[in-house]
Each structure stands twice: as C-alpha cells, then as structure tokens.
Amino acid sequence: MTIDSFSGKFDFLSNFYGEGLTVEHYYQAAKTWHDDWKQSILNAETPGRAKRLGRKAPMRDDWDEVRVDIMYELLKEKFQDLTLAIKLIDTFPISLIEGNKWHDNFWGICSCMKCRNTESHNMLGFLLMRVRGELMAETFKK
C-alpha cells in the first residue's frame, strides 16, 4: 500500500499544511542568506507565494549540500506537534510518496507522461518515513 497524494485525509503530510508559517515558508527562507529575501518569504501570505519567492531569491552557495538536512530538521520540528505525530505514526506501515504532476522527481514522484522514464528520488516521502520511524521508536522507549 502507498499514500501517493498529500491531500484530503493526508493533507497534514504536505509542506503547505497549517495556518500561518508552514514548513514551505521555512524551507524557502532557508534557501538564501539575504535577510530581506528571508523576511519577504516568511511574510508571504500563503505557502505557494513563499515557494514562488523562494524560486526568485538569491541561492546560498551550499544549498544542494544542505537542503535535505534542512528539510529533515523542519519535518522533525513539524511533527513535534502531538496531533500531527499521531497522524503520521498512524500511516505505518504504508509507503509515503509525494506524488505530483509538476515534474518534481527529487522530492517526489511525478506521474505525468513526460516523467514516466525519469529517475525519481521521493526524498520528501523518505524523510517523512524516517521521522515516522523515529517517532515510533520514541513511543516504544517510553
């Protein structure tokens, strides 16, 4: 079994989930060292607007080396919320796939015809499953 859409019942898995500042806001703001850009991204009214601003911001030199670690830390922080942590744990043992149609084969798996032969990494799905495993291990320790 897989969850391949972070919408509806599983919208809490999306980086766009939540009121106010979301994982998407923080992730996009982390792309740049420029304080003005960071502030503009964090002040964005929606996660979509934060993402669009993040695409325009001057990129930090080490972004490719740090982006996965930054996403992992943001997800760990997000799932410190007990309600969200329980919902994430409840997805076990289902595989989590950030399915999309916008050609993102690094963070997810694009299902469009253009990408059908493209290598996909599903990094967001793997990070979510990693956080889920860590939360489960914490639960069993107690």
N, C-alpha and C. Protein backbone atom coordinates (compact mmCIF):
# COMPACT_ATOMS: atom_id res chain seq x y z
N MET A 1 0.83 -1.20 0.00
CA MET A 1 0.00 0.00 0.00
C MET A 1 0.87 1.25 0.00
N THR A 2 0.34 2.28 -0.61
CA THR A 2 1.05 3.57 -0.62
C THR A 2 0.05 4.71 -0.44
N ILE A 3 0.56 5.78 0.12
CA ILE A 3 -0.13 7.06 0.12
C ILE A 3 0.66 7.90 -0.86
N ASP A 4 0.02 8.25 -1.98
CA ASP A 4 0.76 8.98 -3.01
C ASP A 4 0.16 10.35 -3.32
N SER A 5 -0.66 10.83 -2.39
CA SER A 5 -1.21 12.17 -2.53
C SER A 5 -1.33 12.78 -1.14
N PHE A 6 -0.63 13.87 -0.94
CA PHE A 6 -0.66 14.54 0.37
C PHE A 6 -1.78 15.56 0.39
N SER A 7 -2.99 15.07 0.14
CA SER A 7 -4.18 15.92 0.13
C SER A 7 -5.32 15.17 0.81
N GLY A 8 -6.44 15.86 0.99
CA GLY A 8 -7.58 15.24 1.64
C GLY A 8 -7.23 14.77 3.04
N LYS A 9 -7.51 13.52 3.31
CA LYS A 9 -7.23 12.92 4.62
C LYS A 9 -5.75 13.00 5.00
N PHE A 10 -4.89 13.08 3.99
CA PHE A 10 -3.44 13.08 4.23
C PHE A 10 -2.79 14.43 3.96
N ASP A 11 -3.59 15.50 3.98
CA ASP A 11 -3.05 16.84 3.72
C ASP A 11 -2.02 17.26 4.76
N PHE A 12 -2.07 16.67 5.95
CA PHE A 12 -1.11 17.03 7.00
C PHE A 12 0.32 16.64 6.63
N LEU A 13 0.49 15.78 5.63
CA LEU A 13 1.83 15.38 5.17
C LEU A 13 2.46 16.44 4.27
N SER A 14 1.66 17.33 3.75
CA SER A 14 2.13 18.35 2.82
C SER A 14 2.92 19.44 3.55
N ASN A 15 3.92 19.97 2.88
CA ASN A 15 4.68 21.10 3.43
C ASN A 15 3.86 22.38 3.42
N PHE A 16 2.73 22.37 2.73
CA PHE A 16 1.84 23.52 2.69
C PHE A 16 0.83 23.49 3.84
N TYR A 17 0.84 22.44 4.63
CA TYR A 17 -0.16 22.24 5.68
C TYR A 17 0.04 23.22 6.84
N GLY A 18 -1.07 23.72 7.35
CA GLY A 18 -1.03 24.52 8.56
C GLY A 18 -1.46 25.95 8.33
N GLU A 19 -1.72 26.60 9.44
CA GLU A 19 -2.08 28.01 9.44
C GLU A 19 -0.82 28.83 9.68
N GLY A 20 -0.72 29.98 9.09
CA GLY A 20 0.46 30.83 9.31
C GLY A 20 1.69 30.26 8.64
N LEU A 21 2.80 30.28 9.36
CA LEU A 21 4.06 29.80 8.79
C LEU A 21 4.06 28.28 8.68
N THR A 22 4.44 27.79 7.52
CA THR A 22 4.45 26.36 7.24
C THR A 22 5.88 25.89 7.00
N VAL A 23 6.04 24.58 6.88
CA VAL A 23 7.35 24.03 6.51
C VAL A 23 7.82 24.68 5.21
N GLU A 24 6.91 24.89 4.28
CA GLU A 24 7.28 25.50 3.00
C GLU A 24 7.88 26.89 3.18
N HIS A 25 7.27 27.70 4.04
CA HIS A 25 7.81 29.04 4.32
C HIS A 25 9.26 28.93 4.83
N TYR A 26 9.46 28.09 5.83
CA TYR A 26 10.80 27.98 6.44
C TYR A 26 11.82 27.39 5.47
N TYR A 27 11.40 26.40 4.70
CA TYR A 27 12.30 25.78 3.73
C TYR A 27 12.74 26.79 2.67
N GLN A 28 11.79 27.52 2.13
CA GLN A 28 12.11 28.51 1.10
C GLN A 28 12.99 29.62 1.66
N ALA A 29 12.71 30.05 2.88
CA ALA A 29 13.52 31.10 3.51
C ALA A 29 14.95 30.63 3.75
N ALA A 30 15.13 29.34 3.97
CA ALA A 30 16.47 28.79 4.23
C ALA A 30 17.33 28.77 2.97
N LYS A 31 16.76 28.97 1.80
CA LYS A 31 17.50 28.93 0.55
C LYS A 31 18.47 30.09 0.38
N THR A 32 18.27 31.17 1.12
CA THR A 32 19.05 32.38 0.89
C THR A 32 19.68 32.88 2.18
N TRP A 33 20.81 33.57 2.03
CA TRP A 33 21.46 34.23 3.17
C TRP A 33 20.97 35.66 3.32
N HIS A 34 20.25 36.16 2.31
CA HIS A 34 19.83 37.57 2.28
C HIS A 34 18.63 37.80 3.20
N ASP A 35 18.84 38.62 4.23
CA ASP A 35 17.80 38.85 5.24
C ASP A 35 16.51 39.43 4.65
N ASP A 36 16.64 40.34 3.68
CA ASP A 36 15.43 40.92 3.09
C ASP A 36 14.59 39.86 2.38
N TRP A 37 15.26 38.99 1.65
CA TRP A 37 14.56 37.90 0.98
C TRP A 37 13.94 36.95 1.99
N LYS A 38 14.71 36.57 3.01
CA LYS A 38 14.19 35.68 4.05
C LYS A 38 12.91 36.26 4.64
N GLN A 39 12.95 37.52 5.00
CA GLN A 39 11.79 38.15 5.63
C GLN A 39 10.60 38.19 4.69
N SER A 40 10.84 38.49 3.42
CA SER A 40 9.75 38.51 2.44
C SER A 40 9.10 37.14 2.31
N ILE A 41 9.93 36.11 2.29
CA ILE A 41 9.41 34.74 2.18
C ILE A 41 8.61 34.38 3.42
N LEU A 42 9.14 34.68 4.58
CA LEU A 42 8.44 34.36 5.83
C LEU A 42 7.15 35.16 5.99
N ASN A 43 7.10 36.32 5.36
CA ASN A 43 5.89 37.16 5.42
C ASN A 43 4.86 36.82 4.34
N ALA A 44 5.20 35.89 3.47
CA ALA A 44 4.29 35.53 2.37
C ALA A 44 2.95 35.05 2.94
N GLU A 45 1.87 35.47 2.30
CA GLU A 45 0.52 35.16 2.78
C GLU A 45 0.17 33.68 2.69
N THR A 46 0.78 32.98 1.73
CA THR A 46 0.47 31.56 1.54
C THR A 46 1.77 30.79 1.30
N PRO A 47 1.73 29.47 1.51
CA PRO A 47 2.92 28.66 1.20
C PRO A 47 3.27 28.72 -0.29
N GLY A 48 2.26 28.81 -1.15
CA GLY A 48 2.52 28.91 -2.58
C GLY A 48 3.28 30.18 -2.93
N ARG A 49 2.90 31.27 -2.30
CA ARG A 49 3.60 32.55 -2.52
C ARG A 49 5.03 32.44 -1.98
N ALA A 50 5.21 31.80 -0.83
CA ALA A 50 6.56 31.60 -0.27
C ALA A 50 7.42 30.80 -1.25
N LYS A 51 6.83 29.78 -1.86
CA LYS A 51 7.56 28.95 -2.82
C LYS A 51 7.98 29.77 -4.05
N ARG A 52 7.05 30.58 -4.55
CA ARG A 52 7.38 31.42 -5.71
C ARG A 52 8.50 32.41 -5.39
N LEU A 53 8.45 33.01 -4.20
CA LEU A 53 9.51 33.94 -3.79
C LEU A 53 10.84 33.20 -3.63
N GLY A 54 10.78 31.99 -3.06
CA GLY A 54 11.99 31.20 -2.87
C GLY A 54 12.68 30.85 -4.18
N ARG A 55 11.91 30.71 -5.25
CA ARG A 55 12.49 30.43 -6.57
C ARG A 55 13.26 31.63 -7.12
N LYS A 56 12.87 32.83 -6.69
CA LYS A 56 13.50 34.06 -7.19
C LYS A 56 14.66 34.52 -6.31
N ALA A 57 14.70 34.07 -5.07
CA ALA A 57 15.70 34.55 -4.11
C ALA A 57 17.11 34.12 -4.52
N PRO A 58 18.11 34.95 -4.21
CA PRO A 58 19.49 34.54 -4.48
C PRO A 58 19.85 33.33 -3.61
N MET A 59 20.26 32.26 -4.26
CA MET A 59 20.51 30.99 -3.59
C MET A 59 21.84 30.99 -2.83
N ARG A 60 21.82 30.40 -1.64
CA ARG A 60 23.06 30.24 -0.90
C ARG A 60 23.94 29.21 -1.63
N ASP A 61 25.25 29.38 -1.51
CA ASP A 61 26.21 28.56 -2.26
C ASP A 61 26.15 27.08 -1.94
N ASP A 62 25.81 26.75 -0.72
CA ASP A 62 25.84 25.35 -0.28
C ASP A 62 24.46 24.68 -0.32
N TRP A 63 23.51 25.27 -1.02
CA TRP A 63 22.14 24.80 -0.95
C TRP A 63 22.00 23.32 -1.31
N ASP A 64 22.63 22.88 -2.38
CA ASP A 64 22.48 21.48 -2.78
C ASP A 64 23.00 20.52 -1.71
N GLU A 65 23.98 20.95 -0.95
CA GLU A 65 24.56 20.09 0.09
C GLU A 65 23.72 20.06 1.36
N VAL A 66 22.96 21.12 1.63
CA VAL A 66 22.25 21.22 2.92
C VAL A 66 20.74 21.06 2.83
N ARG A 67 20.17 21.10 1.65
CA ARG A 67 18.71 21.15 1.53
C ARG A 67 17.99 19.95 2.13
N VAL A 68 18.56 18.75 1.99
CA VAL A 68 17.89 17.58 2.55
C VAL A 68 17.93 17.62 4.08
N ASP A 69 19.08 17.99 4.64
CA ASP A 69 19.18 18.09 6.10
C ASP A 69 18.24 19.16 6.65
N ILE A 70 18.12 20.26 5.93
CA ILE A 70 17.20 21.32 6.37
C ILE A 70 15.76 20.82 6.35
N MET A 71 15.38 20.14 5.29
CA MET A 71 14.02 19.60 5.20
C MET A 71 13.78 18.60 6.34
N TYR A 72 14.74 17.74 6.59
CA TYR A 72 14.61 16.76 7.68
C TYR A 72 14.38 17.46 9.02
N GLU A 73 15.17 18.48 9.32
CA GLU A 73 15.02 19.21 10.59
C GLU A 73 13.65 19.90 10.67
N LEU A 74 13.19 20.45 9.57
CA LEU A 74 11.88 21.10 9.56
C LEU A 74 10.76 20.09 9.79
N LEU A 75 10.88 18.92 9.19
CA LEU A 75 9.87 17.89 9.39
C LEU A 75 9.88 17.38 10.83
N LYS A 76 11.06 17.20 11.39
CA LYS A 76 11.13 16.79 12.80
C LYS A 76 10.42 17.81 13.68
N GLU A 77 10.65 19.08 13.40
CA GLU A 77 10.00 20.15 14.17
C GLU A 77 8.48 20.12 13.98
N LYS A 78 8.04 19.98 12.76
CA LYS A 78 6.60 19.95 12.47
C LYS A 78 5.91 18.83 13.25
N PHE A 79 6.53 17.67 13.29
CA PHE A 79 5.88 16.52 13.90
C PHE A 79 6.16 16.39 15.40
N GLN A 80 6.66 17.47 16.00
CA GLN A 80 6.68 17.56 17.46
C GLN A 80 5.28 17.83 17.99
N ASP A 81 4.42 18.35 17.12
CA ASP A 81 3.02 18.54 17.47
C ASP A 81 2.40 17.15 17.66
N LEU A 82 1.89 16.88 18.84
CA LEU A 82 1.40 15.54 19.19
C LEU A 82 0.31 15.05 18.25
N THR A 83 -0.61 15.92 17.89
CA THR A 83 -1.69 15.53 16.99
C THR A 83 -1.14 15.09 15.64
N LEU A 84 -0.20 15.86 15.12
CA LEU A 84 0.40 15.51 13.83
C LEU A 84 1.26 14.26 13.95
N ALA A 85 1.98 14.12 15.05
CA ALA A 85 2.82 12.95 15.27
C ALA A 85 1.97 11.67 15.25
N ILE A 86 0.84 11.70 15.93
CA ILE A 86 -0.05 10.53 15.97
C ILE A 86 -0.56 10.21 14.58
N LYS A 87 -0.95 11.24 13.84
CA LYS A 87 -1.44 11.02 12.48
C LYS A 87 -0.35 10.41 11.59
N LEU A 88 0.89 10.88 11.76
CA LEU A 88 1.99 10.32 10.97
C LEU A 88 2.24 8.87 11.36
N ILE A 89 2.30 8.59 12.63
CA ILE A 89 2.51 7.21 13.11
C ILE A 89 1.40 6.30 12.60
N ASP A 90 0.18 6.81 12.55
CA ASP A 90 -0.95 6.01 12.09
C ASP A 90 -0.85 5.62 10.61
N THR A 91 0.06 6.23 9.86
CA THR A 91 0.23 5.84 8.46
C THR A 91 1.09 4.57 8.32
N PHE A 92 1.74 4.15 9.40
CA PHE A 92 2.60 2.96 9.34
C PHE A 92 1.76 1.73 9.05
N PRO A 93 2.19 0.83 8.22
CA PRO A 93 3.46 0.68 7.51
C PRO A 93 3.40 1.14 6.05
N ILE A 94 2.46 1.99 5.74
CA ILE A 94 2.23 2.43 4.36
C ILE A 94 3.40 3.27 3.85
N SER A 95 3.81 3.03 2.60
CA SER A 95 4.84 3.85 1.96
C SER A 95 4.27 5.22 1.64
N LEU A 96 5.06 6.24 1.88
CA LEU A 96 4.66 7.62 1.62
C LEU A 96 5.37 8.13 0.38
N ILE A 97 4.60 8.55 -0.58
CA ILE A 97 5.14 9.06 -1.85
C ILE A 97 4.56 10.44 -2.10
N GLU A 98 5.43 11.41 -2.31
CA GLU A 98 4.96 12.75 -2.62
C GLU A 98 4.66 12.78 -4.12
N GLY A 99 3.46 12.25 -4.46
CA GLY A 99 3.04 12.20 -5.86
C GLY A 99 2.71 13.60 -6.36
N ASN A 100 3.06 13.86 -7.60
CA ASN A 100 2.78 15.18 -8.16
C ASN A 100 2.71 15.10 -9.67
N LYS A 101 2.31 16.21 -10.26
CA LYS A 101 2.26 16.35 -11.71
C LYS A 101 3.05 17.59 -12.14
N TRP A 102 3.91 18.09 -11.26
CA TRP A 102 4.67 19.31 -11.57
C TRP A 102 6.16 19.00 -11.77
N HIS A 103 6.47 17.78 -12.13
CA HIS A 103 7.81 17.36 -12.55
C HIS A 103 8.84 17.38 -11.42
N ASP A 104 8.40 17.24 -10.19
CA ASP A 104 9.34 17.21 -9.07
C ASP A 104 9.69 15.76 -8.76
N ASN A 105 10.81 15.33 -9.30
CA ASN A 105 11.26 13.96 -9.11
C ASN A 105 12.39 13.86 -8.09
N PHE A 106 12.73 14.96 -7.47
CA PHE A 106 13.68 14.90 -6.36
C PHE A 106 12.91 14.70 -5.06
N TRP A 107 11.98 15.59 -4.75
CA TRP A 107 11.21 15.49 -3.51
C TRP A 107 10.09 14.47 -3.62
N GLY A 108 9.64 14.18 -4.82
CA GLY A 108 8.53 13.27 -5.00
C GLY A 108 8.68 12.42 -6.24
N ILE A 109 7.52 12.01 -6.77
CA ILE A 109 7.48 11.23 -7.99
C ILE A 109 6.39 11.84 -8.86
N CYS A 110 6.79 12.38 -10.00
CA CYS A 110 5.84 12.97 -10.93
C CYS A 110 5.21 11.85 -11.75
N SER A 111 3.89 11.91 -11.90
CA SER A 111 3.18 10.85 -12.62
C SER A 111 2.78 11.25 -14.04
N CYS A 112 3.29 12.36 -14.54
CA CYS A 112 2.92 12.78 -15.89
C CYS A 112 3.65 11.92 -16.93
N MET A 113 3.15 11.92 -18.13
CA MET A 113 3.74 11.12 -19.22
C MET A 113 5.18 11.55 -19.51
N LYS A 114 5.46 12.83 -19.41
CA LYS A 114 6.80 13.35 -19.69
C LYS A 114 7.84 12.75 -18.73
N CYS A 115 7.43 12.47 -17.51
CA CYS A 115 8.37 12.00 -16.48
C CYS A 115 8.36 10.48 -16.29
N ARG A 116 7.62 9.77 -17.10
CA ARG A 116 7.44 8.33 -16.84
C ARG A 116 8.74 7.53 -16.86
N ASN A 117 9.75 7.99 -17.59
CA ASN A 117 11.04 7.29 -17.64
C ASN A 117 12.14 8.03 -16.89
N THR A 118 11.73 8.99 -16.05
CA THR A 118 12.68 9.79 -15.29
C THR A 118 12.93 9.14 -13.93
N GLU A 119 14.18 9.12 -13.51
CA GLU A 119 14.51 8.61 -12.19
C GLU A 119 13.89 9.51 -11.13
N SER A 120 13.25 8.91 -10.15
CA SER A 120 12.63 9.66 -9.06
C SER A 120 13.28 9.29 -7.74
N HIS A 121 13.37 10.27 -6.84
CA HIS A 121 14.01 10.04 -5.55
C HIS A 121 13.03 10.00 -4.39
N ASN A 122 11.89 10.68 -4.50
CA ASN A 122 10.89 10.71 -3.44
C ASN A 122 11.50 11.07 -2.08
N MET A 123 12.38 12.04 -2.08
CA MET A 123 13.10 12.39 -0.85
C MET A 123 12.15 12.84 0.27
N LEU A 124 11.10 13.58 -0.06
CA LEU A 124 10.16 14.01 0.97
C LEU A 124 9.47 12.79 1.59
N GLY A 125 9.05 11.85 0.76
CA GLY A 125 8.44 10.64 1.28
C GLY A 125 9.38 9.87 2.19
N PHE A 126 10.63 9.74 1.77
CA PHE A 126 11.61 9.02 2.60
C PHE A 126 11.87 9.74 3.92
N LEU A 127 11.96 11.06 3.88
CA LEU A 127 12.17 11.81 5.12
C LEU A 127 10.98 11.69 6.06
N LEU A 128 9.79 11.73 5.51
CA LEU A 128 8.60 11.55 6.35
C LEU A 128 8.59 10.17 6.99
N MET A 129 8.96 9.14 6.22
CA MET A 129 9.01 7.79 6.79
C MET A 129 10.11 7.67 7.83
N ARG A 130 11.21 8.38 7.63
CA ARG A 130 12.29 8.39 8.63
C ARG A 130 11.80 9.03 9.94
N VAL A 131 11.15 10.19 9.82
CA VAL A 131 10.61 10.85 11.01
C VAL A 131 9.58 9.95 11.68
N ARG A 132 8.74 9.32 10.88
CA ARG A 132 7.73 8.40 11.44
C ARG A 132 8.40 7.28 12.24
N GLY A 133 9.44 6.70 11.68
CA GLY A 133 10.16 5.64 12.38
C GLY A 133 10.78 6.12 13.68
N GLU A 134 11.32 7.32 13.66
CA GLU A 134 11.92 7.89 14.88
C GLU A 134 10.85 8.16 15.93
N LEU A 135 9.69 8.65 15.50
CA LEU A 135 8.60 8.89 16.45
C LEU A 135 8.11 7.57 17.05
N MET A 136 8.04 6.55 16.23
CA MET A 136 7.62 5.24 16.73
C MET A 136 8.63 4.69 17.72
N ALA A 137 9.91 4.84 17.43
CA ALA A 137 10.95 4.37 18.35
C ALA A 137 10.87 5.10 19.68
N GLU A 138 10.62 6.41 19.63
CA GLU A 138 10.46 7.20 20.86
C GLU A 138 9.28 6.69 21.67
N THR A 139 8.19 6.41 20.98
CA THR A 139 6.98 5.94 21.65
C THR A 139 7.23 4.62 22.38
N PHE A 140 7.96 3.72 21.72
CA PHE A 140 8.20 2.41 22.32
C PHE A 140 9.22 2.45 23.45
N LYS A 141 10.05 3.50 23.46
CA LYS A 141 11.02 3.67 24.56
C LYS A 141 10.32 3.96 25.88
N LYS A 142 9.19 4.65 25.77
CA LYS A 142 8.52 5.16 26.98
C LYS A 142 7.77 4.11 27.72
